[in-house]
Structures are given as C-alpha cells and as structure tokens.
C-alpha cells in the first residue's frame, strides 16, 4: 500500500488558513478592524500595524509573500494585535488565543519542510540594491513606509539616505512586497495600482 504524500507546503498553508477562517470565531479576524464603526477610538494608539486573515488570504492568493515565513508573521500579528488590544477573558482575546494555538500546531509541521528564512541582514542588503530600481511611484510608497520609522531617512546634499539597519521584519515585509509588486508590474508592462489588499 503506497504511503500517501502530503500536499505541497503552499497547499497546506492554504488549508491551514481556511481552517482558521472557517472556525466558528474565524469571522472576527476575516476583515480589518473598523475602529470607527466599533467605537474603538484608541485602536490605532495601541495597534500600530493592523492585520487580519482576509488580508493574509488576499496576499497569499496574489503571491505577495517573499517567503512563507512572512505569511506566518502576518497570521501571528493578527492574533497578537487582538490579544494586545483586548483583555484576557474577553471573547475576542480568547478566540485569538484559541485560533493562535490552532495555527501554531498546524504551522509546526509545515515549517519543518520550508527553507529557513533569509537572515535579516541579507534581506536589508537585498532591499538596498532593489529599491532604487523601482518605479518612481513605488519609490514614493517606500518612502511613506520608511517615514514611519524614526531616523530611517536623512537628507544630505539634496539626496535622501536610508539607514537600513533600523529596519525591523514587519517593515522589511512591506518593502519586499513593493519589490514583488514592481516585478509584477514589469511582467505585465503596467504601473496600475494593486488590488485592495496590497498594504
């Protein structure tokens, strides 16, 4: 009797994400938090980098992750944000904790077959080379991302200099997505805006 083969990592990741979204509490994390309609006036003071599983799904479907470890970081960010903003014992906190456990148990077996993520220093060096080759529109978007980090950008002799050593993984993920977007635009020969889940 032949041994059944496991689906490829990408298929397994999609199945894991679908399992989270189809969970009875998955709907809570399926869309971005809307602080205005929920009356959460302080949401953005506590949560500087919002994330949700719908955005993760959109990025995954659009091949927008440079590596699958970035996918895991976004899923973890979704649940971490919910647990930071809500108090232990609140329904949303408890749902996030439960779904996080489901994710981590499923992710452990997937991660074993993935190549190790590149070291952060390699990611920084690669971006240092690739960002100047982006279209002017994408370079402007990169500047907006980098302005969020103190002391990243410094002007000297009318030129902007970037200190990539200050880049954390979440910011690198966003900048790497711009590189992916640039490659997609070159392939398609277009500079149109991406779908709504680009950021």
C-alpha atoms as a PDB file:
ATOM      1  CA  UNK A   1       0.000   0.000   0.000  1.00  0.00           C
ATOM      2  CA  UNK A   2       1.572   3.333  -1.059  1.00  0.00           C
ATOM      3  CA  UNK A   3       2.232   5.939   1.604  1.00  0.00           C
ATOM      4  CA  UNK A   4       0.049   8.999   0.995  1.00  0.00           C
ATOM      5  CA  UNK A   5       2.085  12.081   0.184  1.00  0.00           C
ATOM      6  CA  UNK A   6       1.454  15.358   1.933  1.00  0.00           C
ATOM      7  CA  UNK A   7       0.305  18.285  -0.182  1.00  0.00           C
ATOM      8  CA  UNK A   8       2.952  20.848  -1.097  1.00  0.00           C
ATOM      9  CA  UNK A   9       3.671  23.461   1.604  1.00  0.00           C
ATOM     10  CA  UNK A  10       1.663  26.161  -0.174  1.00  0.00           C
ATOM     11  CA  UNK A  11      -1.399  23.906  -0.355  1.00  0.00           C
ATOM     12  CA  UNK A  12      -1.015  23.008   3.306  1.00  0.00           C
ATOM     13  CA  UNK A  13      -0.722  26.687   4.207  1.00  0.00           C
ATOM     14  CA  UNK A  14      -3.914  27.456   2.287  1.00  0.00           C
ATOM     15  CA  UNK A  15      -5.707  24.593   4.079  1.00  0.00           C
ATOM     16  CA  UNK A  16      -4.479  25.897   7.453  1.00  0.00           C
ATOM     17  CA  UNK A  17      -5.622  29.437   6.679  1.00  0.00           C
ATOM     18  CA  UNK A  18      -9.003  28.137   5.502  1.00  0.00           C
ATOM     19  CA  UNK A  19      -9.320  26.148   8.730  1.00  0.00           C
ATOM     20  CA  UNK A  20      -8.781  29.371  10.715  1.00  0.00           C
ATOM     21  CA  UNK A  21     -11.250  31.337   8.600  1.00  0.00           C
ATOM     22  CA  UNK A  22     -13.894  28.580   8.792  1.00  0.00           C
ATOM     23  CA  UNK A  23     -13.590  28.228  12.568  1.00  0.00           C
ATOM     24  CA  UNK A  24     -16.738  29.401  14.379  1.00  0.00           C
ATOM     25  CA  UNK A  25     -14.832  32.502  15.554  1.00  0.00           C
ATOM     26  CA  UNK A  26     -12.872  32.981  12.325  1.00  0.00           C
ATOM     27  CA  UNK A  27     -15.240  35.689  11.112  1.00  0.00           C
ATOM     28  CA  UNK A  28     -13.906  38.003  13.834  1.00  0.00           C
ATOM     29  CA  UNK A  29     -10.490  38.036  12.130  1.00  0.00           C
ATOM     30  CA  UNK A  30     -11.620  37.802   8.493  1.00  0.00           C
ATOM     31  CA  UNK A  31     -11.703  41.573   7.840  1.00  0.00           C
ATOM     32  CA  UNK A  32      -9.686  44.571   9.010  1.00  0.00           C
ATOM     33  CA  UNK A  33     -10.846  46.030  12.310  1.00  0.00           C
ATOM     34  CA  UNK A  34     -13.062  49.055  11.671  1.00  0.00           C
ATOM     35  CA  UNK A  35     -12.388  51.220  14.741  1.00  0.00           C
ATOM     36  CA  UNK A  36     -14.904  53.876  13.693  1.00  0.00           C
ATOM     37  CA  UNK A  37     -17.912  51.580  13.391  1.00  0.00           C
ATOM     38  CA  UNK A  38     -16.891  49.633  16.514  1.00  0.00           C
ATOM     39  CA  UNK A  39     -16.288  52.783  18.563  1.00  0.00           C
ATOM     40  CA  UNK A  40     -12.653  51.869  19.246  1.00  0.00           C
ATOM     41  CA  UNK A  41     -11.237  55.395  19.298  1.00  0.00           C
ATOM     42  CA  UNK A  42      -7.898  54.323  20.803  1.00  0.00           C
ATOM     43  CA  UNK A  43      -7.338  51.334  18.495  1.00  0.00           C
ATOM     44  CA  UNK A  44      -4.559  52.901  16.431  1.00  0.00           C
ATOM     45  CA  UNK A  45      -2.786  54.190  19.541  1.00  0.00           C
ATOM     46  CA  UNK A  46      -2.452  50.600  20.768  1.00  0.00           C
ATOM     47  CA  UNK A  47      -2.131  48.833  17.391  1.00  0.00           C
ATOM     48  CA  UNK A  48       0.413  50.391  15.037  1.00  0.00           C
ATOM     49  CA  UNK A  49       0.436  47.575  12.470  1.00  0.00           C
ATOM     50  CA  UNK A  50      -3.089  46.200  11.938  1.00  0.00           C
ATOM     51  CA  UNK A  51      -3.526  42.827  10.236  1.00  0.00           C
ATOM     52  CA  UNK A  52      -6.375  40.414   9.558  1.00  0.00           C
ATOM     53  CA  UNK A  53      -6.794  36.987   7.995  1.00  0.00           C
ATOM     54  CA  UNK A  54      -8.666  38.370   4.981  1.00  0.00           C
ATOM     55  CA  UNK A  55      -5.652  40.495   4.070  1.00  0.00           C
ATOM     56  CA  UNK A  56      -3.381  37.489   4.675  1.00  0.00           C
ATOM     57  CA  UNK A  57      -5.569  35.412   2.352  1.00  0.00           C
ATOM     58  CA  UNK A  58      -5.511  38.092  -0.331  1.00  0.00           C
ATOM     59  CA  UNK A  59      -1.726  38.386  -0.111  1.00  0.00           C
ATOM     60  CA  UNK A  60      -1.336  34.615  -0.251  1.00  0.00           C
ATOM     61  CA  UNK A  61      -3.629  34.314  -3.282  1.00  0.00           C
ATOM     62  CA  UNK A  62      -1.751  37.117  -5.021  1.00  0.00           C
ATOM     63  CA  UNK A  63       1.672  35.527  -4.369  1.00  0.00           C
ATOM     64  CA  UNK A  64       2.609  38.612  -2.395  1.00  0.00           C
ATOM     65  CA  UNK A  65       4.780  36.948   0.218  1.00  0.00           C
ATOM     66  CA  UNK A  66       8.525  36.923  -0.477  1.00  0.00           C
ATOM     67  CA  UNK A  67       8.727  33.788   1.642  1.00  0.00           C
ATOM     68  CA  UNK A  68       6.182  31.753   3.569  1.00  0.00           C
ATOM     69  CA  UNK A  69       7.661  32.778   6.912  1.00  0.00           C
ATOM     70  CA  UNK A  70       6.278  36.272   6.175  1.00  0.00           C
ATOM     71  CA  UNK A  71       2.849  34.663   5.912  1.00  0.00           C
ATOM     72  CA  UNK A  72       3.288  33.196   9.400  1.00  0.00           C
ATOM     73  CA  UNK A  73       4.364  36.580  10.782  1.00  0.00           C
ATOM     74  CA  UNK A  74       1.154  38.168   9.448  1.00  0.00           C
ATOM     75  CA  UNK A  75      -1.069  35.447  10.937  1.00  0.00           C
ATOM     76  CA  UNK A  76       0.691  35.809  14.283  1.00  0.00           C
ATOM     77  CA  UNK A  77       0.359  39.591  14.081  1.00  0.00           C
ATOM     78  CA  UNK A  78      -3.401  39.220  13.573  1.00  0.00           C
ATOM     79  CA  UNK A  79      -3.798  37.284  16.808  1.00  0.00           C
ATOM     80  CA  UNK A  80      -1.180  39.247  18.754  1.00  0.00           C
ATOM     81  CA  UNK A  81      -2.983  42.512  17.919  1.00  0.00           C
ATOM     82  CA  UNK A  82      -6.278  41.075  19.184  1.00  0.00           C
ATOM     83  CA  UNK A  83      -4.634  39.916  22.396  1.00  0.00           C
ATOM     84  CA  UNK A  84      -2.861  43.247  22.940  1.00  0.00           C
ATOM     85  CA  UNK A  85      -5.979  45.341  22.411  1.00  0.00           C
ATOM     86  CA  UNK A  86      -8.454  43.125  24.285  1.00  0.00           C
ATOM     87  CA  UNK A  87      -8.213  41.992  27.899  1.00  0.00           C
ATOM     88  CA  UNK A  88      -7.672  38.372  28.857  1.00  0.00           C
ATOM     89  CA  UNK A  89     -11.107  36.863  29.389  1.00  0.00           C
ATOM     90  CA  UNK A  90     -12.750  38.991  26.668  1.00  0.00           C
ATOM     91  CA  UNK A  91     -14.351  36.941  23.885  1.00  0.00           C
ATOM     92  CA  UNK A  92     -12.039  38.354  21.189  1.00  0.00           C
ATOM     93  CA  UNK A  93      -8.932  37.719  23.298  1.00  0.00           C
ATOM     94  CA  UNK A  94      -9.967  34.129  23.993  1.00  0.00           C
ATOM     95  CA  UNK A  95     -10.859  33.498  20.332  1.00  0.00           C
ATOM     96  CA  UNK A  96      -7.476  34.882  19.254  1.00  0.00           C
ATOM     97  CA  UNK A  97      -5.691  32.643  21.780  1.00  0.00           C
ATOM     98  CA  UNK A  98      -7.584  29.554  20.583  1.00  0.00           C
ATOM     99  CA  UNK A  99      -7.029  30.270  16.881  1.00  0.00           C
ATOM    100  CA  UNK A 100      -3.387  31.070  17.571  1.00  0.00           C
ATOM    101  CA  UNK A 101      -2.945  27.615  19.118  1.00  0.00           C
ATOM    102  CA  UNK A 102      -4.613  26.002  16.091  1.00  0.00           C
ATOM    103  CA  UNK A 103      -2.306  27.951  13.800  1.00  0.00           C
ATOM    104  CA  UNK A 104       0.879  27.115  15.711  1.00  0.00           C
ATOM    105  CA  UNK A 105       0.081  23.393  15.851  1.00  0.00           C
ATOM    106  CA  UNK A 106      -0.597  23.309  12.086  1.00  0.00           C
ATOM    107  CA  UNK A 107       2.320  25.585  11.222  1.00  0.00           C
ATOM    108  CA  UNK A 108       4.897  23.474  13.108  1.00  0.00           C
ATOM    109  CA  UNK A 109       4.698  20.590  10.613  1.00  0.00           C
ATOM    110  CA  UNK A 110       4.677  22.952   7.611  1.00  0.00           C
ATOM    111  CA  UNK A 111       7.660  24.928   8.856  1.00  0.00           C
ATOM    112  CA  UNK A 112       9.766  21.770   9.073  1.00  0.00           C
ATOM    113  CA  UNK A 113       9.734  21.394   5.273  1.00  0.00           C
ATOM    114  CA  UNK A 114      10.292  25.064   4.446  1.00  0.00           C
ATOM    115  CA  UNK A 115      13.718  26.507   3.790  1.00  0.00           C
ATOM    116  CA  UNK A 116      14.992  28.743   6.579  1.00  0.00           C
ATOM    117  CA  UNK A 117      14.104  32.395   6.125  1.00  0.00           C
ATOM    118  CA  UNK A 118      16.972  34.567   4.934  1.00  0.00           C
ATOM    119  CA  UNK A 119      18.817  36.378   7.717  1.00  0.00           C
ATOM    120  CA  UNK A 120      17.588  39.917   8.338  1.00  0.00           C
ATOM    121  CA  UNK A 121      20.962  41.347   7.261  1.00  0.00           C
ATOM    122  CA  UNK A 122      20.618  39.621   3.862  1.00  0.00           C
ATOM    123  CA  UNK A 123      17.088  40.977   3.465  1.00  0.00           C
ATOM    124  CA  UNK A 124      18.306  44.503   4.251  1.00  0.00           C
ATOM    125  CA  UNK A 125      21.171  44.262   1.722  1.00  0.00           C
ATOM    126  CA  UNK A 126      18.897  42.921  -0.997  1.00  0.00           C
ATOM    127  CA  UNK A 127      16.412  45.752  -0.464  1.00  0.00           C
ATOM    128  CA  UNK A 128      19.214  48.299  -0.512  1.00  0.00           C
ATOM    129  CA  UNK A 129      20.019  47.088  -4.045  1.00  0.00           C
ATOM    130  CA  UNK A 130      16.434  46.613  -5.279  1.00  0.00           C
ATOM    131  CA  UNK A 131      14.573  49.703  -4.014  1.00  0.00           C
ATOM    132  CA  UNK A 132      16.452  52.200  -6.247  1.00  0.00           C
ATOM    133  CA  UNK A 133      15.385  50.175  -9.309  1.00  0.00           C
ATOM    134  CA  UNK A 134      11.662  50.541  -8.539  1.00  0.00           C
ATOM    135  CA  UNK A 135       9.407  52.910 -10.448  1.00  0.00           C
ATOM    136  CA  UNK A 136       9.148  56.443  -9.016  1.00  0.00           C
ATOM    137  CA  UNK A 137       5.606  55.665  -7.806  1.00  0.00           C
ATOM    138  CA  UNK A 138       6.783  52.626  -5.851  1.00  0.00           C
ATOM    139  CA  UNK A 139       9.790  54.528  -4.525  1.00  0.00           C
ATOM    140  CA  UNK A 140       7.397  57.171  -3.148  1.00  0.00           C
ATOM    141  CA  UNK A 141       5.401  54.419  -1.460  1.00  0.00           C
ATOM    142  CA  UNK A 142       8.639  53.043   0.030  1.00  0.00           C
ATOM    143  CA  UNK A 143       9.438  56.496   1.450  1.00  0.00           C
ATOM    144  CA  UNK A 144       5.993  56.625   3.092  1.00  0.00           C
ATOM    145  CA  UNK A 145       6.651  53.237   4.713  1.00  0.00           C
ATOM    146  CA  UNK A 146      10.112  54.292   5.867  1.00  0.00           C
ATOM    147  CA  UNK A 147       8.931  57.640   7.268  1.00  0.00           C
ATOM    148  CA  UNK A 148       7.026  55.677   9.910  1.00  0.00           C
ATOM    149  CA  UNK A 149      10.369  54.611  11.427  1.00  0.00           C
ATOM    150  CA  UNK A 150      12.324  57.319  13.270  1.00  0.00           C
ATOM    151  CA  UNK A 151      15.741  58.240  11.882  1.00  0.00           C
ATOM    152  CA  UNK A 152      15.439  55.964   8.824  1.00  0.00           C
ATOM    153  CA  UNK A 153      15.633  58.797   6.361  1.00  0.00           C
ATOM    154  CA  UNK A 154      18.237  61.529   6.399  1.00  0.00           C
ATOM    155  CA  UNK A 155      18.810  64.190   3.809  1.00  0.00           C
ATOM    156  CA  UNK A 156      22.331  65.060   2.723  1.00  0.00           C
ATOM    157  CA  UNK A 157      23.260  67.260  -0.253  1.00  0.00           C
ATOM    158  CA  UNK A 158      19.689  67.110  -1.585  1.00  0.00           C
ATOM    159  CA  UNK A 159      19.662  63.304  -1.597  1.00  0.00           C
ATOM    160  CA  UNK A 160      17.785  61.017   0.734  1.00  0.00           C
ATOM    161  CA  UNK A 161      19.871  58.426   2.550  1.00  0.00           C
ATOM    162  CA  UNK A 162      18.285  55.373   4.137  1.00  0.00           C
ATOM    163  CA  UNK A 163      19.617  53.620   7.240  1.00  0.00           C
ATOM    164  CA  UNK A 164      18.524  50.034   6.583  1.00  0.00           C
ATOM    165  CA  UNK A 165      19.975  48.857   9.897  1.00  0.00           C
ATOM    166  CA  UNK A 166      16.880  50.327  11.580  1.00  0.00           C
ATOM    167  CA  UNK A 167      14.539  48.073   9.559  1.00  0.00           C
ATOM    168  CA  UNK A 168      12.510  45.556  11.523  1.00  0.00           C
ATOM    169  CA  UNK A 169      10.965  42.450   9.963  1.00  0.00           C
ATOM    170  CA  UNK A 170       7.478  43.935   9.565  1.00  0.00           C
ATOM    171  CA  UNK A 171       8.866  46.922   7.671  1.00  0.00           C
ATOM    172  CA  UNK A 172      11.074  44.679   5.551  1.00  0.00           C
ATOM    173  CA  UNK A 173       7.972  42.629   4.674  1.00  0.00           C
ATOM    174  CA  UNK A 174       6.207  45.782   3.432  1.00  0.00           C
ATOM    175  CA  UNK A 175       9.214  46.923   1.414  1.00  0.00           C
ATOM    176  CA  UNK A 176       9.731  43.444  -0.045  1.00  0.00           C
ATOM    177  CA  UNK A 177       6.102  43.490  -1.149  1.00  0.00           C
ATOM    178  CA  UNK A 178       6.856  46.673  -3.124  1.00  0.00           C
ATOM    179  CA  UNK A 179       9.697  44.816  -4.851  1.00  0.00           C
ATOM    180  CA  UNK A 180       7.322  41.956  -5.694  1.00  0.00           C
ATOM    181  CA  UNK A 181       4.785  44.480  -6.958  1.00  0.00           C
ATOM    182  CA  UNK A 182       7.474  46.128  -9.088  1.00  0.00           C
ATOM    183  CA  UNK A 183       8.370  42.779 -10.645  1.00  0.00           C
ATOM    184  CA  UNK A 184       4.678  42.036 -11.305  1.00  0.00           C
ATOM    185  CA  UNK A 185       4.246  45.436 -12.949  1.00  0.00           C
ATOM    186  CA  UNK A 186       7.285  44.875 -15.152  1.00  0.00           C
ATOM    187  CA  UNK A 187       5.937  41.469 -16.154  1.00  0.00           C
ATOM    188  CA  UNK A 188       2.543  42.922 -17.011  1.00  0.00           C
ATOM    189  CA  UNK A 189       4.013  46.079 -18.510  1.00  0.00           C
ATOM    190  CA  UNK A 190       1.731  48.186 -16.344  1.00  0.00           C
ATOM    191  CA  UNK A 191       2.025  50.537 -13.423  1.00  0.00           C
ATOM    192  CA  UNK A 192      -1.569  50.151 -12.319  1.00  0.00           C
ATOM    193  CA  UNK A 193      -2.362  50.071  -8.617  1.00  0.00           C
ATOM    194  CA  UNK A 194      -2.599  46.673  -6.979  1.00  0.00           C
ATOM    195  CA  UNK A 195      -5.780  45.164  -5.601  1.00  0.00           C
ATOM    196  CA  UNK A 196      -7.092  46.481  -2.323  1.00  0.00           C
ATOM    197  CA  UNK A 197      -5.113  44.125  -0.089  1.00  0.00           C
ATOM    198  CA  UNK A 198      -1.700  45.457  -1.116  1.00  0.00           C
ATOM    199  CA  UNK A 199      -0.532  47.012   2.130  1.00  0.00           C
END
